[in-house]
Amino acid sequence: MCLLSLAAATVAARRTPLRLLGRGLAAAMSTAGPLKSVDYEVFGRVQGVCFRMYTEGEAKKIGVVGWVKNTSKGTVTGQVQGPEDKVNSMKSWLSKVGSPSSRIDRTNFSNEKTISKLEYSNFSIRY
């Protein structure tokens, strides 16, 4: 199941406008108003269900930066940064949607703050 989704993500990545590839996501967001940063932890059936891969794909689709990783206690944790409206969209996705086979019991958000610049240039899966 994950391999099919990976192929779909690869096709979608090919559609990225060249202007964004050359400037990078961080440069594309630099004029989009106040930037927010928030840490998150997702509880439920979120490991072994391609949750990290779908999170990365959704973050890139929405246009936020940051990271995601599995924890040793069976949760998924990470950080999202970007314009406030886009961060809010990602928070909603992390709370209500997730990957198709996941079950989200709850999502905790912490350290939400306004930042002057992005700390990441893309969204990545950490190991």
PDB file of N, CA and C in Angstrom:
ATOM      1  N   MET A   1       0.819  -1.184   0.000  1.00  0.00           N
ATOM      2  CA  MET A   1       0.000   0.000   0.000  1.00  0.00           C
ATOM      3  C   MET A   1       0.870   1.257   0.000  1.00  0.00           C
ATOM      4  N   CYS A   2       1.910   1.281   0.796  1.00  0.00           N
ATOM      5  CA  CYS A   2       2.776   2.459   0.858  1.00  0.00           C
ATOM      6  C   CYS A   2       3.503   2.694  -0.456  1.00  0.00           C
ATOM      7  N   LEU A   3       3.886   1.627  -1.148  1.00  0.00           N
ATOM      8  CA  LEU A   3       4.611   1.792  -2.405  1.00  0.00           C
ATOM      9  C   LEU A   3       3.743   2.451  -3.461  1.00  0.00           C
ATOM     10  N   LEU A   4       2.458   2.093  -3.513  1.00  0.00           N
ATOM     11  CA  LEU A   4       1.559   2.741  -4.457  1.00  0.00           C
ATOM     12  C   LEU A   4       1.432   4.222  -4.144  1.00  0.00           C
ATOM     13  N   SER A   5       1.325   4.548  -2.865  1.00  0.00           N
ATOM     14  CA  SER A   5       1.224   5.945  -2.467  1.00  0.00           C
ATOM     15  C   SER A   5       2.500   6.699  -2.777  1.00  0.00           C
ATOM     16  N   LEU A   6       3.637   6.022  -2.615  1.00  0.00           N
ATOM     17  CA  LEU A   6       4.909   6.641  -2.929  1.00  0.00           C
ATOM     18  C   LEU A   6       4.982   6.974  -4.413  1.00  0.00           C
ATOM     19  N   ALA A   7       4.487   6.062  -5.259  1.00  0.00           N
ATOM     20  CA  ALA A   7       4.477   6.321  -6.702  1.00  0.00           C
ATOM     21  C   ALA A   7       3.592   7.520  -7.015  1.00  0.00           C
ATOM     22  N   ALA A   8       2.445   7.616  -6.362  1.00  0.00           N
ATOM     23  CA  ALA A   8       1.549   8.748  -6.574  1.00  0.00           C
ATOM     24  C   ALA A   8       2.201  10.053  -6.129  1.00  0.00           C
ATOM     25  N   ALA A   9       2.921   9.993  -5.010  1.00  0.00           N
ATOM     26  CA  ALA A   9       3.607  11.190  -4.515  1.00  0.00           C
ATOM     27  C   ALA A   9       4.703  11.625  -5.478  1.00  0.00           C
ATOM     28  N   THR A  10       5.383  10.666  -6.082  1.00  0.00           N
ATOM     29  CA  THR A  10       6.431  10.980  -7.054  1.00  0.00           C
ATOM     30  C   THR A  10       5.839  11.684  -8.262  1.00  0.00           C
ATOM     31  N   VAL A  11       4.702  11.205  -8.742  1.00  0.00           N
ATOM     32  CA  VAL A  11       4.042  11.839  -9.878  1.00  0.00           C
ATOM     33  C   VAL A  11       3.635  13.262  -9.514  1.00  0.00           C
ATOM     34  N   ALA A  12       3.074  13.442  -8.312  1.00  0.00           N
ATOM     35  CA  ALA A  12       2.660  14.770  -7.876  1.00  0.00           C
ATOM     36  C   ALA A  12       3.856  15.711  -7.766  1.00  0.00           C
ATOM     37  N   ALA A  13       4.992  15.204  -7.314  1.00  0.00           N
ATOM     38  CA  ALA A  13       6.186  16.036  -7.158  1.00  0.00           C
ATOM     39  C   ALA A  13       6.664  16.567  -8.507  1.00  0.00           C
ATOM     40  N   ARG A  14       6.439  15.790  -9.558  1.00  0.00           N
ATOM     41  CA  ARG A  14       6.857  16.241 -10.891  1.00  0.00           C
ATOM     42  C   ARG A  14       6.064  17.451 -11.364  1.00  0.00           C
ATOM     43  N   ARG A  15       4.934  17.712 -10.741  1.00  0.00           N
ATOM     44  CA  ARG A  15       4.088  18.832 -11.142  1.00  0.00           C
ATOM     45  C   ARG A  15       4.464  20.127 -10.432  1.00  0.00           C
ATOM     46  N   THR A  16       5.468  20.109  -9.577  1.00  0.00           N
ATOM     47  CA  THR A  16       5.876  21.300  -8.847  1.00  0.00           C
ATOM     48  C   THR A  16       6.383  22.356  -9.823  1.00  0.00           C
ATOM     49  N   PRO A  17       5.835  23.574  -9.739  1.00  0.00           N
ATOM     50  CA  PRO A  17       6.299  24.615 -10.652  1.00  0.00           C
ATOM     51  C   PRO A  17       7.803  24.847 -10.523  1.00  0.00           C
ATOM     52  N   LEU A  18       8.447  25.078 -11.649  1.00  0.00           N
ATOM     53  CA  LEU A  18       9.900  25.268 -11.645  1.00  0.00           C
ATOM     54  C   LEU A  18      10.311  26.460 -10.790  1.00  0.00           C
ATOM     55  N   ARG A  19       9.490  27.487 -10.734  1.00  0.00           N
ATOM     56  CA  ARG A  19       9.855  28.666  -9.933  1.00  0.00           C
ATOM     57  C   ARG A  19       9.993  28.304  -8.458  1.00  0.00           C
ATOM     58  N   LEU A  20       9.183  27.343  -7.968  1.00  0.00           N
ATOM     59  CA  LEU A  20       9.309  26.929  -6.576  1.00  0.00           C
ATOM     60  C   LEU A  20      10.523  26.043  -6.368  1.00  0.00           C
ATOM     61  N   LEU A  21      10.839  25.224  -7.358  1.00  0.00           N
ATOM     62  CA  LEU A  21      12.012  24.370  -7.234  1.00  0.00           C
ATOM     63  C   LEU A  21      13.283  25.204  -7.142  1.00  0.00           C
ATOM     64  N   GLY A  22      13.366  26.248  -7.939  1.00  0.00           N
ATOM     65  CA  GLY A  22      14.561  27.082  -7.953  1.00  0.00           C
ATOM     66  C   GLY A  22      14.722  27.914  -6.697  1.00  0.00           C
ATOM     67  N   ARG A  23      13.648  28.418  -6.168  1.00  0.00           N
ATOM     68  CA  ARG A  23      13.715  29.302  -5.000  1.00  0.00           C
ATOM     69  C   ARG A  23      13.630  28.553  -3.694  1.00  0.00           C
ATOM     70  N   GLY A  24      13.031  27.383  -3.709  1.00  0.00           N
ATOM     71  CA  GLY A  24      12.836  26.629  -2.473  1.00  0.00           C
ATOM     72  C   GLY A  24      11.556  27.049  -1.777  1.00  0.00           C
ATOM     73  N   LEU A  25      11.009  26.170  -0.978  1.00  0.00           N
ATOM     74  CA  LEU A  25       9.755  26.428  -0.289  1.00  0.00           C
ATOM     75  C   LEU A  25       9.884  27.585   0.694  1.00  0.00           C
ATOM     76  N   ALA A  26      10.998  27.672   1.367  1.00  0.00           N
ATOM     77  CA  ALA A  26      11.185  28.746   2.349  1.00  0.00           C
ATOM     78  C   ALA A  26      11.114  30.112   1.679  1.00  0.00           C
ATOM     79  N   ALA A  27      11.740  30.246   0.522  1.00  0.00           N
ATOM     80  CA  ALA A  27      11.706  31.516  -0.200  1.00  0.00           C
ATOM     81  C   ALA A  27      10.294  31.820  -0.693  1.00  0.00           C
ATOM     82  N   ALA A  28       9.571  30.803  -1.103  1.00  0.00           N
ATOM     83  CA  ALA A  28       8.209  30.995  -1.591  1.00  0.00           C
ATOM     84  C   ALA A  28       7.294  31.489  -0.476  1.00  0.00           C
ATOM     85  N   MET A  29       7.572  31.138   0.783  1.00  0.00           N
ATOM     86  CA  MET A  29       6.721  31.530   1.892  1.00  0.00           C
ATOM     87  C   MET A  29       7.164  32.826   2.560  1.00  0.00           C
ATOM     88  N   SER A  30       8.278  33.368   2.169  1.00  0.00           N
ATOM     89  CA  SER A  30       8.841  34.501   2.898  1.00  0.00           C
ATOM     90  C   SER A  30       7.959  35.744   2.856  1.00  0.00           C
ATOM     91  N   THR A  31       7.024  35.816   1.930  1.00  0.00           N
ATOM     92  CA  THR A  31       6.180  37.004   1.825  1.00  0.00           C
ATOM     93  C   THR A  31       4.755  36.734   2.290  1.00  0.00           C
ATOM     94  N   ALA A  32       4.502  35.634   2.973  1.00  0.00           N
ATOM     95  CA  ALA A  32       3.136  35.209   3.278  1.00  0.00           C
ATOM     96  C   ALA A  32       2.652  35.611   4.665  1.00  0.00           C
ATOM     97  N   GLY A  33       3.118  36.712   5.237  1.00  0.00           N
ATOM     98  CA  GLY A  33       2.602  37.162   6.528  1.00  0.00           C
ATOM     99  C   GLY A  33       3.274  36.489   7.707  1.00  0.00           C
ATOM    100  N   PRO A  34       2.622  36.584   8.905  1.00  0.00           N
ATOM    101  CA  PRO A  34       3.242  36.039  10.116  1.00  0.00           C
ATOM    102  C   PRO A  34       3.445  34.532  10.027  1.00  0.00           C
ATOM    103  N   LEU A  35       4.600  34.107  10.499  1.00  0.00           N
ATOM    104  CA  LEU A  35       4.936  32.684  10.488  1.00  0.00           C
ATOM    105  C   LEU A  35       4.694  32.087  11.872  1.00  0.00           C
ATOM    106  N   LYS A  36       4.216  30.864  11.879  1.00  0.00           N
ATOM    107  CA  LYS A  36       3.955  30.148  13.127  1.00  0.00           C
ATOM    108  C   LYS A  36       4.772  28.870  13.161  1.00  0.00           C
ATOM    109  N   SER A  37       5.052  28.407  14.364  1.00  0.00           N
ATOM    110  CA  SER A  37       5.715  27.134  14.589  1.00  0.00           C
ATOM    111  C   SER A  37       4.942  26.408  15.678  1.00  0.00           C
ATOM    112  N   VAL A  38       4.755  25.105  15.506  1.00  0.00           N
ATOM    113  CA  VAL A  38       4.062  24.315  16.523  1.00  0.00           C
ATOM    114  C   VAL A  38       4.626  22.898  16.533  1.00  0.00           C
ATOM    115  N   ASP A  39       4.786  22.349  17.728  1.00  0.00           N
ATOM    116  CA  ASP A  39       5.180  20.950  17.903  1.00  0.00           C
ATOM    117  C   ASP A  39       3.906  20.127  18.050  1.00  0.00           C
ATOM    118  N   TYR A  40       3.962  18.857  17.651  1.00  0.00           N
ATOM    119  CA  TYR A  40       2.780  18.008  17.760  1.00  0.00           C
ATOM    120  C   TYR A  40       3.165  16.580  18.122  1.00  0.00           C
ATOM    121  N   GLU A  41       2.199  15.870  18.710  1.00  0.00           N
ATOM    122  CA  GLU A  41       2.330  14.439  18.968  1.00  0.00           C
ATOM    123  C   GLU A  41       0.966  13.812  18.714  1.00  0.00           C
ATOM    124  N   VAL A  42       0.950  12.783  17.872  1.00  0.00           N
ATOM    125  CA  VAL A  42      -0.293  12.136  17.472  1.00  0.00           C
ATOM    126  C   VAL A  42      -0.363  10.755  18.133  1.00  0.00           C
ATOM    127  N   PHE A  43      -1.483  10.483  18.790  1.00  0.00           N
ATOM    128  CA  PHE A  43      -1.712   9.233  19.512  1.00  0.00           C
ATOM    129  C   PHE A  43      -2.777   8.417  18.786  1.00  0.00           C
ATOM    130  N   GLY A  44      -2.652   7.101  18.862  1.00  0.00           N
ATOM    131  CA  GLY A  44      -3.617   6.198  18.245  1.00  0.00           C
ATOM    132  C   GLY A  44      -2.884   5.142  17.443  1.00  0.00           C
ATOM    133  N   ARG A  45      -3.524   4.637  16.407  1.00  0.00           N
ATOM    134  CA  ARG A  45      -2.857   3.687  15.500  1.00  0.00           C
ATOM    135  C   ARG A  45      -2.188   4.508  14.411  1.00  0.00           C
ATOM    136  N   VAL A  46      -0.956   4.927  14.694  1.00  0.00           N
ATOM    137  CA  VAL A  46      -0.265   5.849  13.792  1.00  0.00           C
ATOM    138  C   VAL A  46       1.114   5.337  13.355  1.00  0.00           C
ATOM    139  N   GLN A  47       1.480   4.138  13.790  1.00  0.00           N
ATOM    140  CA  GLN A  47       2.724   3.533  13.306  1.00  0.00           C
ATOM    141  C   GLN A  47       2.370   2.277  12.517  1.00  0.00           C
ATOM    142  N   GLY A  48       3.131   2.022  11.464  1.00  0.00           N
ATOM    143  CA  GLY A  48       2.872   0.872  10.607  1.00  0.00           C
ATOM    144  C   GLY A  48       1.714   1.088   9.651  1.00  0.00           C
ATOM    145  N   VAL A  49       1.281   2.342   9.487  1.00  0.00           N
ATOM    146  CA  VAL A  49       0.157   2.663   8.605  1.00  0.00           C
ATOM    147  C   VAL A  49       0.505   3.802   7.636  1.00  0.00           C
ATOM    148  N   CYS A  50       1.785   3.972   7.360  1.00  0.00           N
ATOM    149  CA  CYS A  50       2.285   5.013   6.430  1.00  0.00           C
ATOM    150  C   CYS A  50       1.955   6.433   6.891  1.00  0.00           C
ATOM    151  N   PHE A  51       1.785   6.626   8.203  1.00  0.00           N
ATOM    152  CA  PHE A  51       1.391   7.940   8.711  1.00  0.00           C
ATOM    153  C   PHE A  51       2.444   9.000   8.394  1.00  0.00           C
ATOM    154  N   ARG A  52       3.715   8.664   8.580  1.00  0.00           N
ATOM    155  CA  ARG A  52       4.775   9.659   8.328  1.00  0.00           C
ATOM    156  C   ARG A  52       4.809  10.056   6.856  1.00  0.00           C
ATOM    157  N   MET A  53       4.682   9.079   5.968  1.00  0.00           N
ATOM    158  CA  MET A  53       4.733   9.371   4.541  1.00  0.00           C
ATOM    159  C   MET A  53       3.556  10.265   4.125  1.00  0.00           C
ATOM    160  N   TYR A  54       2.365   9.945   4.620  1.00  0.00           N
ATOM    161  CA  TYR A  54       1.209  10.775   4.301  1.00  0.00           C
ATOM    162  C   TYR A  54       1.332  12.165   4.914  1.00  0.00           C
ATOM    163  N   THR A  55       1.921  12.248   6.106  1.00  0.00           N
ATOM    164  CA  THR A  55       2.125  13.548   6.749  1.00  0.00           C
ATOM    165  C   THR A  55       3.062  14.403   5.912  1.00  0.00           C
ATOM    166  N   GLU A  56       4.146  13.803   5.453  1.00  0.00           N
ATOM    167  CA  GLU A  56       5.080  14.537   4.591  1.00  0.00           C
ATOM    168  C   GLU A  56       4.375  15.008   3.318  1.00  0.00           C
ATOM    169  N   GLY A  57       3.604  14.142   2.716  1.00  0.00           N
ATOM    170  CA  GLY A  57       2.891  14.516   1.491  1.00  0.00           C
ATOM    171  C   GLY A  57       1.897  15.636   1.713  1.00  0.00           C
ATOM    172  N   GLU A  58       1.145  15.568   2.804  1.00  0.00           N
ATOM    173  CA  GLU A  58       0.161  16.609   3.107  1.00  0.00           C
ATOM    174  C   GLU A  58       0.853  17.931   3.419  1.00  0.00           C
ATOM    175  N   ALA A  59       1.946  17.873   4.159  1.00  0.00           N
ATOM    176  CA  ALA A  59       2.692  19.103   4.483  1.00  0.00           C
ATOM    177  C   ALA A  59       3.191  19.778   3.211  1.00  0.00           C
ATOM    178  N   LYS A  60       3.707  18.996   2.285  1.00  0.00           N
ATOM    179  CA  LYS A  60       4.203  19.570   1.031  1.00  0.00           C
ATOM    180  C   LYS A  60       3.046  20.113   0.196  1.00  0.00           C
ATOM    181  N   LYS A  61       1.912  19.441   0.229  1.00  0.00           N
ATOM    182  CA  LYS A  61       0.735  19.906  -0.510  1.00  0.00           C
ATOM    183  C   LYS A  61       0.222  21.228   0.062  1.00  0.00           C
ATOM    184  N   ILE A  62       0.153  21.313   1.389  1.00  0.00           N
ATOM    185  CA  ILE A  62      -0.332  22.533   2.047  1.00  0.00           C
ATOM    186  C   ILE A  62       0.685  23.657   1.903  1.00  0.00           C
ATOM    187  N   GLY A  63       1.974  23.309   1.981  1.00  0.00           N
ATOM    188  CA  GLY A  63       3.024  24.319   1.862  1.00  0.00           C
ATOM    189  C   GLY A  63       3.615  24.735   3.199  1.00  0.00           C
ATOM    190  N   VAL A  64       3.845  23.745   4.078  1.00  0.00           N
ATOM    191  CA  VAL A  64       4.515  24.016   5.348  1.00  0.00           C
ATOM    192  C   VAL A  64       5.829  23.246   5.388  1.00  0.00           C
ATOM    193  N   VAL A  65       6.694  23.616   6.320  1.00  0.00           N
ATOM    194  CA  VAL A  65       7.975  22.938   6.490  1.00  0.00           C
ATOM    195  C   VAL A  65       8.034  22.337   7.886  1.00  0.00           C
ATOM    196  N   GLY A  66       9.029  21.468   8.105  1.00  0.00           N
ATOM    197  CA  GLY A  66       9.201  20.856   9.415  1.00  0.00           C
ATOM    198  C   GLY A  66       9.630  19.421   9.284  1.00  0.00           C
ATOM    199  N   TRP A  67       9.153  18.586  10.211  1.00  0.00           N
ATOM    200  CA  TRP A  67       9.571  17.183  10.221  1.00  0.00           C
ATOM    201  C   TRP A  67       8.558  16.329  10.962  1.00  0.00           C
ATOM    202  N   VAL A  68       8.699  15.001  10.778  1.00  0.00           N
ATOM    203  CA  VAL A  68       7.845  14.013  11.436  1.00  0.00           C
ATOM    204  C   VAL A  68       8.690  12.786  11.738  1.00  0.00           C
ATOM    205  N   LYS A  69       8.422  12.113  12.863  1.00  0.00           N
ATOM    206  CA  LYS A  69       9.121  10.861  13.167  1.00  0.00           C
ATOM    207  C   LYS A  69       8.300  10.006  14.114  1.00  0.00           C
ATOM    208  N   ASN A  70       8.572   8.701  14.099  1.00  0.00           N
ATOM    209  CA  ASN A  70       7.978   7.773  15.053  1.00  0.00           C
ATOM    210  C   ASN A  70       8.685   7.915  16.390  1.00  0.00           C
ATOM    211  N   THR A  71       7.970   7.628  17.476  1.00  0.00           N
ATOM    212  CA  THR A  71       8.586   7.603  18.802  1.00  0.00           C
ATOM    213  C   THR A  71       8.617   6.167  19.299  1.00  0.00           C
ATOM    214  N   SER A  72       9.393   5.940  20.338  1.00  0.00           N
ATOM    215  CA  SER A  72       9.491   4.597  20.914  1.00  0.00           C
ATOM    216  C   SER A  72       8.228   4.207  21.683  1.00  0.00           C
ATOM    217  N   LYS A  73       7.372   5.160  21.972  1.00  0.00           N
ATOM    218  CA  LYS A  73       6.138   4.844  22.704  1.00  0.00           C
ATOM    219  C   LYS A  73       4.927   4.664  21.795  1.00  0.00           C
ATOM    220  N   GLY A  74       5.159   4.555  20.485  1.00  0.00           N
ATOM    221  CA  GLY A  74       4.084   4.249  19.553  1.00  0.00           C
ATOM    222  C   GLY A  74       3.321   5.442  19.018  1.00  0.00           C
ATOM    223  N   THR A  75       3.829   6.637  19.257  1.00  0.00           N
ATOM    224  CA  THR A  75       3.190   7.844  18.734  1.00  0.00           C
ATOM    225  C   THR A  75       4.014   8.376  17.566  1.00  0.00           C
ATOM    226  N   VAL A  76       3.509   9.441  16.954  1.00  0.00           N
ATOM    227  CA  VAL A  76       4.240  10.164  15.920  1.00  0.00           C
ATOM    228  C   VAL A  76       4.378  11.592  16.411  1.00  0.00           C
ATOM    229  N   THR A  77       5.569  12.144  16.288  1.00  0.00           N
ATOM    230  CA  THR A  77       5.819  13.499  16.763  1.00  0.00           C
ATOM    231  C   THR A  77       6.495  14.311  15.665  1.00  0.00           C
ATOM    232  N   GLY A  78       6.474  15.631  15.827  1.00  0.00           N
ATOM    233  CA  GLY A  78       7.130  16.475  14.834  1.00  0.00           C
ATOM    234  C   GLY A  78       6.903  17.941  15.089  1.00  0.00           C
ATOM    235  N   GLN A  79       7.250  18.721  14.072  1.00  0.00           N
ATOM    236  CA  GLN A  79       7.103  20.169  14.140  1.00  0.00           C
ATOM    237  C   GLN A  79       6.660  20.673  12.775  1.00  0.00           C
ATOM    238  N   VAL A  80       5.790  21.675  12.790  1.00  0.00           N
ATOM    239  CA  VAL A  80       5.299  22.306  11.561  1.00  0.00           C
ATOM    240  C   VAL A  80       5.557  23.800  11.657  1.00  0.00           C
ATOM    241  N   GLN A  81       6.019  24.385  10.554  1.00  0.00           N
ATOM    242  CA  GLN A  81       6.241  25.828  10.483  1.00  0.00           C
ATOM    243  C   GLN A  81       5.712  26.354   9.158  1.00  0.00           C
ATOM    244  N   GLY A  82       5.212  27.586   9.193  1.00  0.00           N
ATOM    245  CA  GLY A  82       4.739  28.228   7.983  1.00  0.00           C
ATOM    246  C   GLY A  82       3.765  29.335   8.317  1.00  0.00           C
ATOM    247  N   PRO A  83       3.103  29.886   7.287  1.00  0.00           N
ATOM    248  CA  PRO A  83       2.077  30.901   7.534  1.00  0.00           C
ATOM    249  C   PRO A  83       0.972  30.331   8.426  1.00  0.00           C
ATOM    250  N   GLU A  84       0.406  31.181   9.266  1.00  0.00           N
ATOM    251  CA  GLU A  84      -0.554  30.725  10.268  1.00  0.00           C
ATOM    252  C   GLU A  84      -1.703  29.917   9.680  1.00  0.00           C
ATOM    253  N   ASP A  85      -2.279  30.356   8.564  1.00  0.00           N
ATOM    254  CA  ASP A  85      -3.418  29.630   7.994  1.00  0.00           C
ATOM    255  C   ASP A  85      -3.012  28.241   7.516  1.00  0.00           C
ATOM    256  N   LYS A  86      -1.809  28.110   6.976  1.00  0.00           N
ATOM    257  CA  LYS A  86      -1.332  26.807   6.507  1.00  0.00           C
ATOM    258  C   LYS A  86      -0.988  25.886   7.679  1.00  0.00           C
ATOM    259  N   VAL A  87      -0.407  26.449   8.724  1.00  0.00           N
ATOM    260  CA  VAL A  87      -0.125  25.652   9.933  1.00  0.00           C
ATOM    261  C   VAL A  87      -1.442  25.160  10.531  1.00  0.00           C
ATOM    262  N   ASN A  88      -2.458  26.015  10.539  1.00  0.00           N
ATOM    263  CA  ASN A  88      -3.763  25.603  11.062  1.00  0.00           C
ATOM    264  C   ASN A  88      -4.380  24.484  10.225  1.00  0.00           C
ATOM    265  N   SER A  89      -4.203  24.545   8.913  1.00  0.00           N
ATOM    266  CA  SER A  89      -4.694  23.466   8.041  1.00  0.00           C
ATOM    267  C   SER A  89      -3.991  22.160   8.360  1.00  0.00           C
ATOM    268  N   MET A  90      -2.692  22.227   8.593  1.00  0.00           N
ATOM    269  CA  MET A  90      -1.930  21.017   8.914  1.00  0.00           C
ATOM    270  C   MET A  90      -2.344  20.484  10.285  1.00  0.00           C
ATOM    271  N   LYS A  91      -2.595  21.378  11.244  1.00  0.00           N
ATOM    272  CA  LYS A  91      -3.044  20.946  12.567  1.00  0.00           C
ATOM    273  C   LYS A  91      -4.374  20.197  12.449  1.00  0.00           C
ATOM    274  N   SER A  92      -5.254  20.687  11.638  1.00  0.00           N
ATOM    275  CA  SER A  92      -6.539  20.025  11.432  1.00  0.00           C
ATOM    276  C   SER A  92      -6.343  18.640  10.822  1.00  0.00           C
ATOM    277  N   TRP A  93      -5.474  18.540   9.818  1.00  0.00           N
ATOM    278  CA  TRP A  93      -5.201  17.252   9.173  1.00  0.00           C
ATOM    279  C   TRP A  93      -4.604  16.267  10.182  1.00  0.00           C
ATOM    280  N   LEU A  94      -3.672  16.728  11.001  1.00  0.00           N
ATOM    281  CA  LEU A  94      -3.039  15.868  12.004  1.00  0.00           C
ATOM    282  C   LEU A  94      -4.028  15.420  13.080  1.00  0.00           C
ATOM    283  N   SER A  95      -5.066  16.195  13.305  1.00  0.00           N
ATOM    284  CA  SER A  95      -6.050  15.873  14.337  1.00  0.00           C
ATOM    285  C   SER A  95      -7.186  14.994  13.833  1.00  0.00           C
ATOM    286  N   LYS A  96      -7.530  15.138  12.542  1.00  0.00           N
ATOM    287  CA  LYS A  96      -8.770  14.530  12.052  1.00  0.00           C
ATOM    288  C   LYS A  96      -8.616  13.554  10.896  1.00  0.00           C
ATOM    289  N   VAL A  97      -7.533  13.645  10.128  1.00  0.00           N
ATOM    290  CA  VAL A  97      -7.460  12.876   8.879  1.00  0.00           C
ATOM    291  C   VAL A  97      -6.402  11.783   8.960  1.00  0.00           C
ATOM    292  N   GLY A  98      -5.137  12.150   8.910  1.00  0.00           N
ATOM    293  CA  GLY A  98      -4.059  11.160   8.952  1.00  0.00           C
ATOM    294  C   GLY A  98      -4.010  10.300   7.706  1.00  0.00           C
ATOM    295  N   SER A  99      -3.309   9.187   7.795  1.00  0.00           N
ATOM    296  CA  SER A  99      -3.228   8.262   6.657  1.00  0.00           C
ATOM    297  C   SER A  99      -4.503   7.417   6.611  1.00  0.00           C
ATOM    298  N   PRO A 100      -4.802   6.823   5.443  1.00  0.00           N
ATOM    299  CA  PRO A 100      -6.052   6.071   5.305  1.00  0.00           C
ATOM    300  C   PRO A 100      -6.236   4.945   6.334  1.00  0.00           C
ATOM    301  N   SER A 101      -5.169   4.276   6.733  1.00  0.00           N
ATOM    302  CA  SER A 101      -5.293   3.153   7.668  1.00  0.00           C
ATOM    303  C   SER A 101      -5.068   3.550   9.119  1.00  0.00           C
ATOM    304  N   SER A 102      -4.828   4.823   9.379  1.00  0.00           N
ATOM    305  CA  SER A 102      -4.563   5.253  10.756  1.00  0.00           C
ATOM    306  C   SER A 102      -5.865   5.447  11.531  1.00  0.00           C
ATOM    307  N   ARG A 103      -5.725   5.504  12.846  1.00  0.00           N
ATOM    308  CA  ARG A 103      -6.813   5.881  13.735  1.00  0.00           C
ATOM    309  C   ARG A 103      -6.235   6.904  14.705  1.00  0.00           C
ATOM    310  N   ILE A 104      -6.670   8.125  14.614  1.00  0.00           N
ATOM    311  CA  ILE A 104      -6.169   9.186  15.482  1.00  0.00           C
ATOM    312  C   ILE A 104      -7.059   9.279  16.710  1.00  0.00           C
ATOM    313  N   ASP A 105      -6.485   8.977  17.881  1.00  0.00           N
ATOM    314  CA  ASP A 105      -7.230   9.110  19.137  1.00  0.00           C
ATOM    315  C   ASP A 105      -7.178  10.549  19.637  1.00  0.00           C
ATOM    316  N   ARG A 106      -6.019  11.153  19.580  1.00  0.00           N
ATOM    317  CA  ARG A 106      -5.872  12.561  19.962  1.00  0.00           C
ATOM    318  C   ARG A 106      -4.550  13.084  19.422  1.00  0.00           C
ATOM    319  N   THR A 107      -4.470  14.402  19.299  1.00  0.00           N
ATOM    320  CA  THR A 107      -3.237  15.066  18.891  1.00  0.00           C
ATOM    321  C   THR A 107      -2.977  16.197  19.866  1.00  0.00           C
ATOM    322  N   ASN A 108      -1.783  16.194  20.445  1.00  0.00           N
ATOM    323  CA  ASN A 108      -1.381  17.266  21.357  1.00  0.00           C
ATOM    324  C   ASN A 108      -0.498  18.253  20.609  1.00  0.00           C
ATOM    325  N   PHE A 109      -0.792  19.537  20.772  1.00  0.00           N
ATOM    326  CA  PHE A 109       0.022  20.594  20.188  1.00  0.00           C
ATOM    327  C   PHE A 109       0.658  21.375  21.323  1.00  0.00           C
ATOM    328  N   SER A 110       1.924  21.746  21.144  1.00  0.00           N
ATOM    329  CA  SER A 110       2.636  22.486  22.187  1.00  0.00           C
ATOM    330  C   SER A 110       3.623  23.452  21.548  1.00  0.00           C
ATOM    331  N   ASN A 111       4.131  24.363  22.354  1.00  0.00           N
ATOM    332  CA  ASN A 111       5.145  25.334  21.909  1.00  0.00           C
ATOM    333  C   ASN A 111       4.713  26.115  20.674  1.00  0.00           C
ATOM    334  N   GLU A 112       3.435  26.435  20.581  1.00  0.00           N
ATOM    335  CA  GLU A 112       2.970  27.225  19.437  1.00  0.00           C
ATOM    336  C   GLU A 112       3.431  28.664  19.623  1.00  0.00           C
ATOM    337  N   LYS A 113       4.099  29.192  18.593  1.00  0.00           N
ATOM    338  CA  LYS A 113       4.650  30.536  18.710  1.00  0.00           C
ATOM    339  C   LYS A 113       4.805  31.181  17.346  1.00  0.00           C
ATOM    340  N   THR A 114       4.886  32.502  17.358  1.00  0.00           N
ATOM    341  CA  THR A 114       5.195  33.260  16.148  1.00  0.00           C
ATOM    342  C   THR A 114       6.711  33.278  15.989  1.00  0.00           C
ATOM    343  N   ILE A 115       7.180  33.053  14.763  1.00  0.00           N
ATOM    344  CA  ILE A 115       8.621  33.056  14.492  1.00  0.00           C
ATOM    345  C   ILE A 115       8.927  34.086  13.408  1.00  0.00           C
ATOM    346  N   SER A 116      10.160  34.557  13.397  1.00  0.00           N
ATOM    347  CA  SER A 116      10.539  35.578  12.413  1.00  0.00           C
ATOM    348  C   SER A 116      11.002  34.976  11.092  1.00  0.00           C
ATOM    349  N   LYS A 117      11.502  33.734  11.143  1.00  0.00           N
ATOM    350  CA  LYS A 117      11.898  33.057   9.912  1.00  0.00           C
ATOM    351  C   LYS A 117      11.790  31.554  10.103  1.00  0.00           C
ATOM    352  N   LEU A 118      11.662  30.849   8.992  1.00  0.00           N
ATOM    353  CA  LEU A 118      11.552  29.402   9.033  1.00  0.00           C
ATOM    354  C   LEU A 118      12.883  28.775   9.409  1.00  0.00           C
ATOM    355  N   GLU A 119      12.829  27.724  10.203  1.00  0.00           N
ATOM    356  CA  GLU A 119      14.035  27.013  10.612  1.00  0.00           C
ATOM    357  C   GLU A 119      14.369  25.844   9.684  1.00  0.00           C
ATOM    358  N   TYR A 120      13.453  25.514   8.782  1.00  0.00           N
ATOM    359  CA  TYR A 120      13.646  24.387   7.857  1.00  0.00           C
ATOM    360  C   TYR A 120      13.369  24.868   6.435  1.00  0.00           C
ATOM    361  N   SER A 121      13.948  24.187   5.473  1.00  0.00           N
ATOM    362  CA  SER A 121      13.725  24.559   4.070  1.00  0.00           C
ATOM    363  C   SER A 121      12.718  23.629   3.392  1.00  0.00           C
ATOM    364  N   ASN A 122      12.341  22.528   4.065  1.00  0.00           N
ATOM    365  CA  ASN A 122      11.383  21.589   3.502  1.00  0.00           C
ATOM    366  C   ASN A 122      10.723  20.807   4.638  1.00  0.00           C
ATOM    367  N   PHE A 123       9.943  19.799   4.281  1.00  0.00           N
ATOM    368  CA  PHE A 123       9.346  18.915   5.281  1.00  0.00           C
ATOM    369  C   PHE A 123       9.963  17.540   5.091  1.00  0.00           C
ATOM    370  N   SER A 124      10.417  16.920   6.175  1.00  0.00           N
ATOM    371  CA  SER A 124      11.125  15.652   6.029  1.00  0.00           C
ATOM    372  C   SER A 124      10.694  14.640   7.087  1.00  0.00           C
ATOM    373  N   ILE A 125      10.954  13.377   6.766  1.00  0.00           N
ATOM    374  CA  ILE A 125      10.755  12.273   7.708  1.00  0.00           C
ATOM    375  C   ILE A 125      12.065  12.055   8.421  1.00  0.00           C
ATOM    376  N   ARG A 126      12.041  12.047   9.737  1.00  0.00           N
ATOM    377  CA  ARG A 126      13.236  11.771  10.527  1.00  0.00           C
ATOM    378  C   ARG A 126      13.178  10.348  11.032  1.00  0.00           C
ATOM    379  N   TYR A 127      14.370   9.779  11.261  1.00  0.00           N
ATOM    380  CA  TYR A 127      14.456   8.389  11.736  1.00  0.00           C
ATOM    381  C   TYR A 127      15.226   8.314  13.032  1.00  0.00           C
TER     382      TYR A 127
END
